[in-house]
C-alpha atoms as a PDB file:
ATOM      1  CA  MET A   1     -98.105 -72.442-110.446  1.00  0.00           C
ATOM      2  CA  GLN A   2    -100.850 -70.576-109.906  1.00  0.00           C
ATOM      3  CA  ILE A   3    -101.395 -67.982-106.970  1.00  0.00           C
ATOM      4  CA  HIS A   4    -104.651 -70.120-105.815  1.00  0.00           C
ATOM      5  CA  GLU A   5    -102.280 -73.207-105.665  1.00  0.00           C
ATOM      6  CA  ILE A   6    -100.134 -71.799-103.163  1.00  0.00           C
ATOM      7  CA  LYS A   7     -99.989 -73.195 -99.668  1.00  0.00           C
ATOM      8  CA  ARG A   8     -99.261 -72.122 -96.466  1.00  0.00           C
ATOM      9  CA  ASN A   9     -95.929 -73.357 -94.484  1.00  0.00           C
ATOM     10  CA  THR A  10     -97.809 -72.633 -91.168  1.00  0.00           C
ATOM     11  CA  LYS A  11    -101.027 -73.624 -89.892  1.00  0.00           C
ATOM     12  CA  LEU A  12    -103.610 -70.652 -89.091  1.00  0.00           C
ATOM     13  CA  LYS A  13    -103.535 -70.037 -85.370  1.00  0.00           C
ATOM     14  CA  LYS A  14    -106.757 -68.531 -84.862  1.00  0.00           C
ATOM     15  CA  HIS A  15    -109.729 -71.040 -84.829  1.00  0.00           C
ATOM     16  CA  ARG A  16    -112.246 -70.816 -87.404  1.00  0.00           C
ATOM     17  CA  THR A  17    -115.594 -69.817 -85.306  1.00  0.00           C
ATOM     18  CA  ILE A  18    -118.914 -70.837 -86.085  1.00  0.00           C
ATOM     19  CA  GLY A  19    -122.050 -69.192 -87.435  1.00  0.00           C
ATOM     20  CA  ARG A  20    -123.031 -68.156 -84.354  1.00  0.00           C
ATOM     21  CA  GLY A  21    -119.373 -67.070 -83.121  1.00  0.00           C
ATOM     22  CA  GLY A  22    -117.833 -68.523 -80.156  1.00  0.00           C
ATOM     23  CA  LYS A  23    -116.155 -71.666 -80.056  1.00  0.00           C
ATOM     24  CA  ARG A  24    -118.113 -73.986 -77.375  1.00  0.00           C
ATOM     25  CA  GLY A  25    -121.302 -74.672 -79.770  1.00  0.00           C
ATOM     26  CA  THR A  26    -125.089 -73.878 -79.256  1.00  0.00           C
ATOM     27  CA  THR A  27    -125.272 -73.732 -75.474  1.00  0.00           C
ATOM     28  CA  SER A  28    -121.793 -72.197 -74.903  1.00  0.00           C
ATOM     29  CA  GLY A  29    -121.054 -74.672 -72.196  1.00  0.00           C
ATOM     30  CA  ARG A  30    -124.546 -73.633 -70.190  1.00  0.00           C
ATOM     31  CA  GLY A  31    -126.337 -76.742 -70.526  1.00  0.00           C
ATOM     32  CA  THR A  32    -129.808 -77.027 -71.298  1.00  0.00           C
ATOM     33  CA  LYS A  33    -132.537 -75.047 -70.788  1.00  0.00           C
ATOM     34  CA  GLY A  34    -133.346 -74.346 -66.753  1.00  0.00           C
ATOM     35  CA  GLN A  35    -132.924 -71.453 -64.200  1.00  0.00           C
ATOM     36  CA  ILE A  36    -128.885 -71.687 -64.564  1.00  0.00           C
ATOM     37  CA  ALA A  37    -128.922 -71.391 -68.710  1.00  0.00           C
ATOM     38  CA  ARG A  38    -130.205 -67.709 -68.567  1.00  0.00           C
ATOM     39  CA  ALA A  39    -128.973 -64.933 -68.887  1.00  0.00           C
ATOM     40  CA  GLY A  40    -128.352 -62.813 -65.446  1.00  0.00           C
ATOM     41  CA  HIS A  41    -129.409 -65.998 -63.583  1.00  0.00           C
ATOM     42  CA  LYS A  42    -128.619 -66.172 -59.356  1.00  0.00           C
ATOM     43  CA  LEU A  43    -129.549 -68.737 -57.157  1.00  0.00           C
ATOM     44  CA  ARG A  44    -130.389 -68.457 -53.734  1.00  0.00           C
ATOM     45  CA  PRO A  45    -127.417 -69.607 -51.075  1.00  0.00           C
ATOM     46  CA  GLU A  46    -128.324 -73.119 -50.291  1.00  0.00           C
ATOM     47  CA  LEU A  47    -127.563 -72.278 -46.789  1.00  0.00           C
ATOM     48  CA  ARG A  48    -130.542 -70.360 -46.491  1.00  0.00           C
ATOM     49  CA  ASP A  49    -132.740 -72.969 -47.385  1.00  0.00           C
ATOM     50  CA  ILE A  50    -131.278 -75.071 -44.316  1.00  0.00           C
ATOM     51  CA  ILE A  51    -131.798 -72.682 -41.783  1.00  0.00           C
ATOM     52  CA  LYS A  52    -135.547 -71.779 -42.943  1.00  0.00           C
ATOM     53  CA  LYS A  53    -136.148 -75.477 -42.779  1.00  0.00           C
ATOM     54  CA  LEU A  54    -134.929 -75.256 -38.927  1.00  0.00           C
ATOM     55  CA  PRO A  55    -137.714 -75.372 -36.168  1.00  0.00           C
ATOM     56  CA  LYS A  56    -138.261 -71.709 -33.936  1.00  0.00           C
ATOM     57  CA  ARG A  57    -138.344 -72.925 -30.562  1.00  0.00           C
ATOM     58  CA  ARG A  58    -140.332 -70.124 -28.042  1.00  0.00           C
ATOM     59  CA  GLY A  59    -138.464 -67.603 -26.329  1.00  0.00           C
ATOM     60  CA  TYR A  60    -135.193 -68.782 -28.199  1.00  0.00           C
ATOM     61  CA  SER A  61    -133.550 -65.198 -28.562  1.00  0.00           C
ATOM     62  CA  ALA A  62    -133.953 -64.149 -25.197  1.00  0.00           C
ATOM     63  CA  PRO A  63    -131.422 -66.272 -22.690  1.00  0.00           C
ATOM     64  CA  ARG A  64    -128.652 -66.981 -25.508  1.00  0.00           C
ATOM     65  CA  PHE A  65    -127.854 -63.118 -24.972  1.00  0.00           C
ATOM     66  CA  ALA A  66    -128.517 -62.899 -21.267  1.00  0.00           C
ATOM     67  CA  ASP A  67    -124.393 -62.217 -19.683  1.00  0.00           C
ATOM     68  CA  LYS A  68    -123.303 -64.916 -17.834  1.00  0.00           C
ATOM     69  CA  PRO A  69    -121.465 -64.692 -14.324  1.00  0.00           C
ATOM     70  CA  LEU A  70    -117.970 -64.083 -13.862  1.00  0.00           C
ATOM     71  CA  VAL A  71    -116.668 -67.030 -12.437  1.00  0.00           C
ATOM     72  CA  VAL A  72    -114.016 -66.446  -8.976  1.00  0.00           C
ATOM     73  CA  ASN A  73    -112.539 -69.512  -6.967  1.00  0.00           C
ATOM     74  CA  LEU A  74    -112.366 -69.441  -3.182  1.00  0.00           C
ATOM     75  CA  LEU A  75    -109.032 -70.831  -3.820  1.00  0.00           C
ATOM     76  CA  SER A  76    -107.855 -67.183  -5.284  1.00  0.00           C
ATOM     77  CA  ILE A  77    -109.916 -65.353  -3.034  1.00  0.00           C
ATOM     78  CA  GLU A  78    -107.790 -66.688  -0.076  1.00  0.00           C
ATOM     79  CA  GLY A  79    -104.375 -65.731  -1.391  1.00  0.00           C
ATOM     80  CA  VAL A  80    -105.544 -62.233  -1.706  1.00  0.00           C
ATOM     81  CA  PHE A  81    -107.982 -61.068   0.657  1.00  0.00           C
ATOM     82  CA  GLU A  82    -106.798 -60.497   4.295  1.00  0.00           C
ATOM     83  CA  ASN A  83    -108.742 -61.606   7.230  1.00  0.00           C
ATOM     84  CA  GLY A  84    -111.942 -59.794   8.045  1.00  0.00           C
ATOM     85  CA  ALA A  85    -112.051 -57.738   4.704  1.00  0.00           C
ATOM     86  CA  ILE A  86    -115.452 -57.420   2.686  1.00  0.00           C
ATOM     87  CA  VAL A  87    -115.667 -59.477  -0.787  1.00  0.00           C
ATOM     88  CA  SER A  88    -117.853 -57.862  -3.566  1.00  0.00           C
ATOM     89  CA  PRO A  89    -117.850 -57.345  -7.157  1.00  0.00           C
ATOM     90  CA  THR A  90    -115.713 -53.807  -6.932  1.00  0.00           C
ATOM     91  CA  THR A  91    -112.836 -55.339  -4.408  1.00  0.00           C
ATOM     92  CA  LEU A  92    -112.404 -58.361  -6.761  1.00  0.00           C
ATOM     93  CA  ALA A  93    -111.965 -56.235  -9.582  1.00  0.00           C
ATOM     94  CA  GLU A  94    -109.325 -53.846  -7.748  1.00  0.00           C
ATOM     95  CA  LYS A  95    -107.445 -57.020  -6.498  1.00  0.00           C
ATOM     96  CA  LYS A  96    -107.722 -57.793 -10.241  1.00  0.00           C
ATOM     97  CA  LEU A  97    -109.166 -61.247  -9.867  1.00  0.00           C
ATOM     98  CA  ILE A  98    -111.937 -60.104 -12.534  1.00  0.00           C
ATOM     99  CA  ASP A  99    -112.083 -58.292 -15.722  1.00  0.00           C
ATOM    100  CA  VAL A 100    -114.258 -55.149 -15.985  1.00  0.00           C
ATOM    101  CA  ALA A 101    -115.716 -54.025 -19.292  1.00  0.00           C
ATOM    102  CA  SER A 102    -117.197 -50.738 -19.185  1.00  0.00           C
ATOM    103  CA  GLY A 103    -120.562 -49.876 -18.924  1.00  0.00           C
ATOM    104  CA  ARG A 104    -121.743 -52.958 -17.371  1.00  0.00           C
ATOM    105  CA  THR A 105    -123.041 -54.222 -14.259  1.00  0.00           C
ATOM    106  CA  LEU A 106    -120.660 -57.112 -12.901  1.00  0.00           C
ATOM    107  CA  GLN A 107    -122.350 -60.101 -12.213  1.00  0.00           C
ATOM    108  CA  VAL A 108    -120.092 -62.268 -10.014  1.00  0.00           C
ATOM    109  CA  LYS A 109    -119.982 -66.079  -8.685  1.00  0.00           C
ATOM    110  CA  ILE A 110    -117.915 -67.629  -5.998  1.00  0.00           C
ATOM    111  CA  LEU A 111    -117.388 -71.267  -6.907  1.00  0.00           C
ATOM    112  CA  GLY A 112    -116.371 -73.673  -3.925  1.00  0.00           C
ATOM    113  CA  SER A 113    -112.975 -75.620  -5.268  1.00  0.00           C
ATOM    114  CA  GLY A 114    -110.460 -74.455  -2.748  1.00  0.00           C
ATOM    115  CA  GLU A 115    -110.412 -74.185   1.203  1.00  0.00           C
ATOM    116  CA  LEU A 116    -111.270 -70.409   2.834  1.00  0.00           C
ATOM    117  CA  THR A 117    -109.791 -70.080   6.388  1.00  0.00           C
ATOM    118  CA  LYS A 118    -110.145 -67.005   6.721  1.00  0.00           C
ATOM    119  CA  LYS A 119    -113.420 -64.707   7.683  1.00  0.00           C
ATOM    120  CA  LEU A 120    -114.829 -62.542   5.166  1.00  0.00           C
ATOM    121  CA  SER A 121    -117.976 -61.261   4.318  1.00  0.00           C
ATOM    122  CA  PHE A 122    -119.566 -61.079   0.929  1.00  0.00           C
ATOM    123  CA  SER A 123    -121.860 -58.804  -0.417  1.00  0.00           C
ATOM    124  CA  GLY A 124    -123.310 -58.307  -4.012  1.00  0.00           C
ATOM    125  CA  VAL A 125    -122.305 -61.941  -5.153  1.00  0.00           C
ATOM    126  CA  ASP A 126    -123.381 -65.366  -6.005  1.00  0.00           C
ATOM    127  CA  PHE A 127    -122.521 -68.963  -4.777  1.00  0.00           C
ATOM    128  CA  SER A 128    -122.207 -72.100  -5.530  1.00  0.00           C
ATOM    129  CA  ALA A 129    -123.623 -74.245  -2.716  1.00  0.00           C
ATOM    130  CA  SER A 130    -120.324 -75.630  -1.670  1.00  0.00           C
ATOM    131  CA  ALA A 131    -118.762 -72.295  -1.593  1.00  0.00           C
ATOM    132  CA  LYS A 132    -121.475 -71.238   0.848  1.00  0.00           C
ATOM    133  CA  ALA A 133    -121.171 -74.200   2.813  1.00  0.00           C
ATOM    134  CA  LYS A 134    -117.096 -73.425   2.738  1.00  0.00           C
ATOM    135  CA  ILE A 135    -117.844 -69.929   3.885  1.00  0.00           C
ATOM    136  CA  GLU A 136    -120.137 -70.349   6.772  1.00  0.00           C
ATOM    137  CA  LYS A 137    -117.810 -73.030   7.684  1.00  0.00           C
ATOM    138  CA  ALA A 138    -114.818 -70.579   8.234  1.00  0.00           C
ATOM    139  CA  GLY A 139    -117.136 -67.999  10.029  1.00  0.00           C
ATOM    140  CA  GLY A 140    -117.672 -65.426   6.798  1.00  0.00           C
ATOM    141  CA  THR A 141    -120.761 -63.412   6.639  1.00  0.00           C
ATOM    142  CA  ILE A 142    -123.271 -63.480   3.204  1.00  0.00           C
ATOM    143  CA  THR A 143    -125.270 -60.609   2.740  1.00  0.00           C
ATOM    144  CA  LEU A 144    -127.695 -61.134  -0.227  1.00  0.00           C
ATOM    145  CA  LYS A 145    -127.763 -58.781  -2.961  1.00  0.00           C
END
């Protein structure tokens, strides 16, 4: 037996690489040609194209960010205020019927669910039509802003 006739007991664990190196062939798993096959490729996000196709509408930015008024029902006002009391944004905040965020002017709207039996005077708040009718029916007064 000669040295060139000797065979291994175990197979070679490391696979032999081809001429340019690597195991995946010429394109190295990148497909063929195109932007994605190139080095340093970067695709624009697909969502950006969808957003750009949406039409802009005239004045679309202003109304979305307007503060909505805080809502209070007549039912909750009936339970908290005494007869002849003044209902305003500050008194509603003191009675904890509305949450106050610092640095904001309070806009409050009174809605007409529930009944009102007390004579209350309202100032500095907005009303729904049903709430206004119920307040006037109970003998309350409304002062405009």
